[in-house]
């Protein structure tokens, strides 16, 4: 490398963007079902714990 050339990024790193991302990333159907089930449980828990005032504050600061 010549003394004015930019340094080469480390293998697996995209220049200026960190780790390289695959062009397409496909999750399995079973994984998505589990993820959705977890998110529904989190949603129901959140809705059960917050009051109307909490919900309005959350939406106003989102």
Protein backbone atom coordinates (compact mmCIF):
# COMPACT_ATOMS: atom_id res chain seq x y z
CA UNK A 1 0.00 0.00 0.00
CA UNK A 2 1.27 3.46 -0.84
CA UNK A 3 1.53 6.11 1.84
CA UNK A 4 -1.56 8.20 0.87
CA UNK A 5 -3.89 5.32 0.06
CA UNK A 6 -6.89 4.71 2.28
CA UNK A 7 -6.63 1.70 4.52
CA UNK A 8 -8.39 -1.43 3.31
CA UNK A 9 -11.35 -2.44 5.48
CA UNK A 10 -11.03 -5.60 7.54
CA UNK A 11 -12.47 -8.71 5.88
CA UNK A 12 -16.23 -8.90 6.38
CA UNK A 13 -16.62 -5.17 6.94
CA UNK A 14 -18.31 -2.86 4.50
CA UNK A 15 -16.30 0.37 4.11
CA UNK A 16 -17.88 3.04 6.30
CA UNK A 17 -20.87 0.93 7.33
CA UNK A 18 -19.59 -1.70 9.76
CA UNK A 19 -20.31 -5.40 9.30
CA UNK A 20 -21.38 -6.41 5.82
CA UNK A 21 -25.06 -7.28 5.49
CA UNK A 22 -26.28 -10.04 3.21
CA UNK A 23 -28.28 -8.95 0.18
CA UNK A 24 -31.30 -10.91 1.40
CA UNK A 25 -31.98 -12.27 4.84
CA UNK A 26 -34.82 -14.71 5.12
CA UNK A 27 -36.20 -15.94 8.44
CA UNK A 28 -37.95 -19.25 8.67
CA UNK A 29 -41.70 -19.39 9.03
CA UNK A 30 -41.43 -21.12 12.43
CA UNK A 31 -39.13 -18.38 13.73
CA UNK A 32 -41.55 -15.67 12.62
CA UNK A 33 -44.46 -17.47 14.33
CA UNK A 34 -42.51 -17.59 17.60
CA UNK A 35 -41.45 -13.95 17.28
CA UNK A 36 -45.03 -12.86 16.63
CA UNK A 37 -46.27 -14.87 19.63
CA UNK A 38 -43.66 -13.19 21.85
CA UNK A 39 -44.61 -9.73 20.57
CA UNK A 40 -48.32 -10.39 21.22
CA UNK A 41 -47.53 -11.41 24.82
CA UNK A 42 -45.42 -8.26 25.27
CA UNK A 43 -48.23 -6.14 23.81
CA UNK A 44 -50.88 -7.67 26.09
CA UNK A 45 -48.63 -7.25 29.12
CA UNK A 46 -47.93 -3.61 28.19
CA UNK A 47 -51.61 -2.84 27.67
CA UNK A 48 -52.47 -4.47 31.01
CA UNK A 49 -49.92 -2.46 32.97
CA UNK A 50 -50.40 1.05 31.64
CA UNK A 51 -53.25 3.43 32.23
CA UNK A 52 -54.80 5.88 29.83
CA UNK A 53 -52.48 8.69 30.96
CA UNK A 54 -49.40 6.49 30.44
CA UNK A 55 -50.62 5.57 26.94
CA UNK A 56 -51.16 9.23 26.00
CA UNK A 57 -47.69 10.16 27.30
CA UNK A 58 -46.10 7.31 25.34
CA UNK A 59 -47.83 8.28 22.11
CA UNK A 60 -46.95 11.96 22.56
CA UNK A 61 -43.24 11.11 22.99
CA UNK A 62 -42.93 8.37 20.34
